[in-house]
Amino acid sequence: MTVQERLKVQREPRRQINGRSAHLILSDGTTELECSVLDVAPGGARIVTEAELDVGDHFTFVLVASHNRRQRCEVVWRRDKTFGVKFLM
């Protein structure tokens, strides 16, 4: 397959959030970090944190602090303090 014949990856639609505040709860269950959400889709999100702490490969994501909904996540890519995560079922 040549470069011109490569299949285009179909990505799910993403909703721009532009820095909305959210929280990460690390796998120890007690450490909570504030983060900013850059965009979100049904299957995952792109987030950024100012913390120097390593968030690990899995954590719990809380988009709206006033709701009880918590979403387990897995980090699929990292660039400095920006992370791409997929939501786990």
N, C-alpha and C. Protein backbone atom coordinates (compact mmCIF):
# COMPACT_ATOMS: atom_id res chain seq x y z
N MET A 1 0.85 -1.18 0.00
CA MET A 1 0.00 0.00 0.00
C MET A 1 0.89 1.24 0.00
N THR A 2 0.67 2.14 -0.91
CA THR A 2 1.47 3.37 -0.99
C THR A 2 0.91 4.40 -0.02
N VAL A 3 1.65 5.46 0.17
CA VAL A 3 1.22 6.53 1.06
C VAL A 3 -0.12 7.09 0.60
N GLN A 4 -0.33 7.21 -0.68
CA GLN A 4 -1.58 7.77 -1.21
C GLN A 4 -2.76 6.85 -0.99
N GLU A 5 -2.52 5.55 -0.83
CA GLU A 5 -3.60 4.59 -0.66
C GLU A 5 -3.97 4.35 0.80
N ARG A 6 -3.24 4.94 1.73
CA ARG A 6 -3.51 4.71 3.15
C ARG A 6 -4.93 5.09 3.48
N LEU A 7 -5.53 4.27 4.31
CA LEU A 7 -6.90 4.54 4.74
C LEU A 7 -6.91 5.67 5.76
N LYS A 8 -7.90 6.52 5.65
CA LYS A 8 -8.05 7.61 6.60
C LYS A 8 -8.71 7.08 7.86
N VAL A 9 -8.15 7.41 9.02
CA VAL A 9 -8.69 6.95 10.29
C VAL A 9 -9.95 7.76 10.60
N GLN A 10 -11.03 7.04 10.84
CA GLN A 10 -12.29 7.70 11.19
C GLN A 10 -12.27 7.99 12.69
N ARG A 11 -12.31 9.23 13.04
CA ARG A 11 -12.31 9.61 14.46
C ARG A 11 -13.71 10.02 14.89
N GLU A 12 -13.98 9.79 16.16
CA GLU A 12 -15.29 10.17 16.68
C GLU A 12 -15.35 11.68 16.84
N PRO A 13 -16.54 12.26 16.76
CA PRO A 13 -16.65 13.72 16.90
C PRO A 13 -16.24 14.16 18.29
N ARG A 14 -15.49 15.25 18.34
CA ARG A 14 -15.02 15.78 19.62
C ARG A 14 -15.67 17.13 19.88
N ARG A 15 -15.97 17.39 21.11
CA ARG A 15 -16.56 18.66 21.51
C ARG A 15 -15.48 19.49 22.20
N GLN A 16 -15.23 20.67 21.69
CA GLN A 16 -14.24 21.56 22.28
C GLN A 16 -14.74 22.08 23.63
N ILE A 17 -13.94 21.96 24.64
CA ILE A 17 -14.29 22.42 25.99
C ILE A 17 -13.51 23.68 26.34
N ASN A 18 -12.31 23.82 25.78
CA ASN A 18 -11.47 25.01 25.95
C ASN A 18 -11.13 25.34 27.40
N GLY A 19 -10.55 24.37 28.09
CA GLY A 19 -10.00 24.65 29.41
C GLY A 19 -10.96 24.53 30.57
N ARG A 20 -12.06 23.84 30.39
CA ARG A 20 -13.02 23.65 31.49
C ARG A 20 -12.33 22.89 32.63
N SER A 21 -12.55 23.33 33.84
CA SER A 21 -11.93 22.71 35.00
C SER A 21 -12.58 21.35 35.31
N ALA A 22 -11.76 20.38 35.65
CA ALA A 22 -12.21 19.05 36.05
C ALA A 22 -11.21 18.51 37.08
N HIS A 23 -11.45 17.29 37.54
CA HIS A 23 -10.56 16.70 38.54
C HIS A 23 -10.17 15.28 38.17
N LEU A 24 -8.95 14.93 38.57
CA LEU A 24 -8.43 13.57 38.42
C LEU A 24 -8.25 13.00 39.81
N ILE A 25 -8.67 11.78 40.02
CA ILE A 25 -8.41 11.07 41.26
C ILE A 25 -7.47 9.93 40.92
N LEU A 26 -6.26 9.99 41.46
CA LEU A 26 -5.23 9.01 41.11
C LEU A 26 -5.58 7.64 41.68
N SER A 27 -4.87 6.63 41.21
CA SER A 27 -5.21 5.25 41.56
C SER A 27 -5.11 4.96 43.06
N ASP A 28 -4.40 5.79 43.83
CA ASP A 28 -4.35 5.57 45.28
C ASP A 28 -5.68 5.93 45.95
N GLY A 29 -6.57 6.60 45.22
CA GLY A 29 -7.90 6.94 45.73
C GLY A 29 -7.95 8.15 46.63
N THR A 30 -6.81 8.69 47.01
CA THR A 30 -6.80 9.83 47.93
C THR A 30 -6.25 11.10 47.30
N THR A 31 -5.43 10.99 46.27
CA THR A 31 -4.82 12.15 45.64
C THR A 31 -5.73 12.67 44.54
N GLU A 32 -6.14 13.94 44.68
CA GLU A 32 -7.01 14.57 43.68
C GLU A 32 -6.29 15.77 43.10
N LEU A 33 -6.29 15.86 41.76
CA LEU A 33 -5.63 16.96 41.06
C LEU A 33 -6.63 17.70 40.20
N GLU A 34 -6.47 19.01 40.12
CA GLU A 34 -7.29 19.78 39.19
C GLU A 34 -6.63 19.72 37.82
N CYS A 35 -7.46 19.68 36.78
CA CYS A 35 -6.96 19.67 35.41
C CYS A 35 -7.87 20.53 34.55
N SER A 36 -7.45 20.76 33.31
CA SER A 36 -8.27 21.47 32.34
C SER A 36 -8.58 20.52 31.19
N VAL A 37 -9.83 20.52 30.74
CA VAL A 37 -10.25 19.66 29.65
C VAL A 37 -10.20 20.48 28.37
N LEU A 38 -9.46 20.01 27.38
CA LEU A 38 -9.34 20.72 26.11
C LEU A 38 -10.44 20.30 25.14
N ASP A 39 -10.72 19.00 25.08
CA ASP A 39 -11.85 18.51 24.30
C ASP A 39 -12.25 17.14 24.83
N VAL A 40 -13.48 16.74 24.50
CA VAL A 40 -14.02 15.48 24.99
C VAL A 40 -14.87 14.84 23.90
N ALA A 41 -14.86 13.52 23.86
CA ALA A 41 -15.66 12.74 22.91
C ALA A 41 -16.27 11.59 23.70
N PRO A 42 -17.20 10.87 23.10
CA PRO A 42 -17.81 9.75 23.84
C PRO A 42 -16.80 8.72 24.34
N GLY A 43 -15.67 8.56 23.63
CA GLY A 43 -14.70 7.54 24.02
C GLY A 43 -13.50 8.02 24.79
N GLY A 44 -13.34 9.34 24.96
CA GLY A 44 -12.16 9.83 25.66
C GLY A 44 -12.09 11.34 25.70
N ALA A 45 -10.92 11.84 26.13
CA ALA A 45 -10.75 13.28 26.29
C ALA A 45 -9.28 13.64 26.15
N ARG A 46 -9.04 14.92 25.97
CA ARG A 46 -7.69 15.48 25.98
C ARG A 46 -7.65 16.46 27.13
N ILE A 47 -6.72 16.24 28.06
CA ILE A 47 -6.66 17.05 29.27
C ILE A 47 -5.24 17.56 29.48
N VAL A 48 -5.13 18.60 30.29
CA VAL A 48 -3.83 19.15 30.65
C VAL A 48 -3.85 19.46 32.15
N THR A 49 -2.72 19.22 32.80
CA THR A 49 -2.60 19.50 34.23
C THR A 49 -1.31 20.26 34.48
N GLU A 50 -1.31 21.09 35.48
CA GLU A 50 -0.11 21.84 35.84
C GLU A 50 0.71 21.12 36.90
N ALA A 51 0.20 20.02 37.41
CA ALA A 51 0.88 19.29 38.49
C ALA A 51 2.16 18.65 37.99
N GLU A 52 3.16 18.62 38.85
CA GLU A 52 4.42 17.95 38.53
C GLU A 52 4.33 16.47 38.83
N LEU A 53 3.25 16.04 39.45
CA LEU A 53 3.04 14.66 39.84
C LEU A 53 2.67 13.79 38.64
N ASP A 54 3.25 12.61 38.54
CA ASP A 54 2.92 11.67 37.47
C ASP A 54 1.53 11.10 37.76
N VAL A 55 0.62 11.19 36.81
CA VAL A 55 -0.74 10.70 37.02
C VAL A 55 -0.85 9.19 36.82
N GLY A 56 0.19 8.53 36.35
CA GLY A 56 0.14 7.10 36.13
C GLY A 56 -0.58 6.75 34.84
N ASP A 57 -0.89 5.47 34.67
CA ASP A 57 -1.55 5.01 33.45
C ASP A 57 -3.06 4.95 33.57
N HIS A 58 -3.58 4.90 34.80
CA HIS A 58 -5.02 4.83 35.05
C HIS A 58 -5.40 5.80 36.16
N PHE A 59 -6.55 6.41 36.04
CA PHE A 59 -7.07 7.28 37.09
C PHE A 59 -8.57 7.44 36.88
N THR A 60 -9.21 8.12 37.81
CA THR A 60 -10.64 8.41 37.71
C THR A 60 -10.79 9.87 37.35
N PHE A 61 -11.68 10.15 36.43
CA PHE A 61 -11.90 11.49 35.87
C PHE A 61 -13.27 11.99 36.32
N VAL A 62 -13.31 13.21 36.85
CA VAL A 62 -14.57 13.83 37.28
C VAL A 62 -14.72 15.13 36.51
N LEU A 63 -15.63 15.15 35.52
CA LEU A 63 -15.81 16.34 34.68
C LEU A 63 -16.62 17.41 35.38
N VAL A 64 -17.66 17.02 36.09
CA VAL A 64 -18.53 17.98 36.79
C VAL A 64 -18.49 17.64 38.28
N ALA A 65 -17.88 18.51 39.07
CA ALA A 65 -17.67 18.24 40.49
C ALA A 65 -18.98 18.05 41.26
N SER A 66 -20.05 18.69 40.82
CA SER A 66 -21.32 18.61 41.55
C SER A 66 -22.09 17.32 41.27
N HIS A 67 -21.60 16.49 40.32
CA HIS A 67 -22.25 15.22 40.01
C HIS A 67 -21.43 14.06 40.56
N ASN A 68 -22.09 12.97 40.84
CA ASN A 68 -21.40 11.79 41.35
C ASN A 68 -20.73 10.96 40.27
N ARG A 69 -20.93 11.29 39.01
CA ARG A 69 -20.40 10.47 37.92
C ARG A 69 -18.87 10.56 37.87
N ARG A 70 -18.26 9.41 37.96
CA ARG A 70 -16.81 9.29 37.88
C ARG A 70 -16.50 8.32 36.77
N GLN A 71 -15.52 8.66 35.95
CA GLN A 71 -15.19 7.85 34.78
C GLN A 71 -13.77 7.32 34.90
N ARG A 72 -13.60 6.00 34.87
CA ARG A 72 -12.26 5.41 34.86
C ARG A 72 -11.61 5.68 33.51
N CYS A 73 -10.34 6.00 33.52
CA CYS A 73 -9.62 6.36 32.30
C CYS A 73 -8.29 5.63 32.21
N GLU A 74 -7.83 5.50 30.97
CA GLU A 74 -6.50 4.99 30.70
C GLU A 74 -5.78 5.99 29.81
N VAL A 75 -4.55 6.34 30.17
CA VAL A 75 -3.76 7.26 29.37
C VAL A 75 -3.29 6.53 28.11
N VAL A 76 -3.58 7.10 26.93
CA VAL A 76 -3.16 6.47 25.68
C VAL A 76 -2.00 7.23 25.02
N TRP A 77 -1.80 8.50 25.36
CA TRP A 77 -0.63 9.24 24.90
C TRP A 77 -0.35 10.39 25.87
N ARG A 78 0.90 10.86 25.88
CA ARG A 78 1.34 11.97 26.75
C ARG A 78 2.27 12.88 25.95
N ARG A 79 2.11 14.17 26.17
CA ARG A 79 3.04 15.17 25.65
C ARG A 79 3.18 16.23 26.73
N ASP A 80 4.30 16.18 27.43
CA ASP A 80 4.54 17.05 28.58
C ASP A 80 3.42 16.87 29.59
N LYS A 81 2.62 17.91 29.83
CA LYS A 81 1.54 17.85 30.82
C LYS A 81 0.17 17.67 30.17
N THR A 82 0.14 17.31 28.89
CA THR A 82 -1.11 17.08 28.17
C THR A 82 -1.26 15.58 27.95
N PHE A 83 -2.47 15.08 28.17
CA PHE A 83 -2.75 13.64 28.09
C PHE A 83 -3.95 13.37 27.20
N GLY A 84 -3.86 12.31 26.44
CA GLY A 84 -5.02 11.77 25.74
C GLY A 84 -5.48 10.56 26.51
N VAL A 85 -6.74 10.50 26.89
CA VAL A 85 -7.25 9.38 27.67
C VAL A 85 -8.44 8.74 26.97
N LYS A 86 -8.57 7.43 27.19
CA LYS A 86 -9.79 6.76 26.73
C LYS A 86 -10.58 6.37 27.96
N PHE A 87 -11.89 6.45 27.85
CA PHE A 87 -12.77 6.07 28.95
C PHE A 87 -12.93 4.56 28.97
N LEU A 88 -12.82 3.99 30.15
CA LEU A 88 -12.96 2.55 30.32
C LEU A 88 -14.37 2.23 30.78
N MET A 89 -14.85 1.08 30.40
CA MET A 89 -16.20 0.67 30.81
C MET A 89 -16.18 0.03 32.16
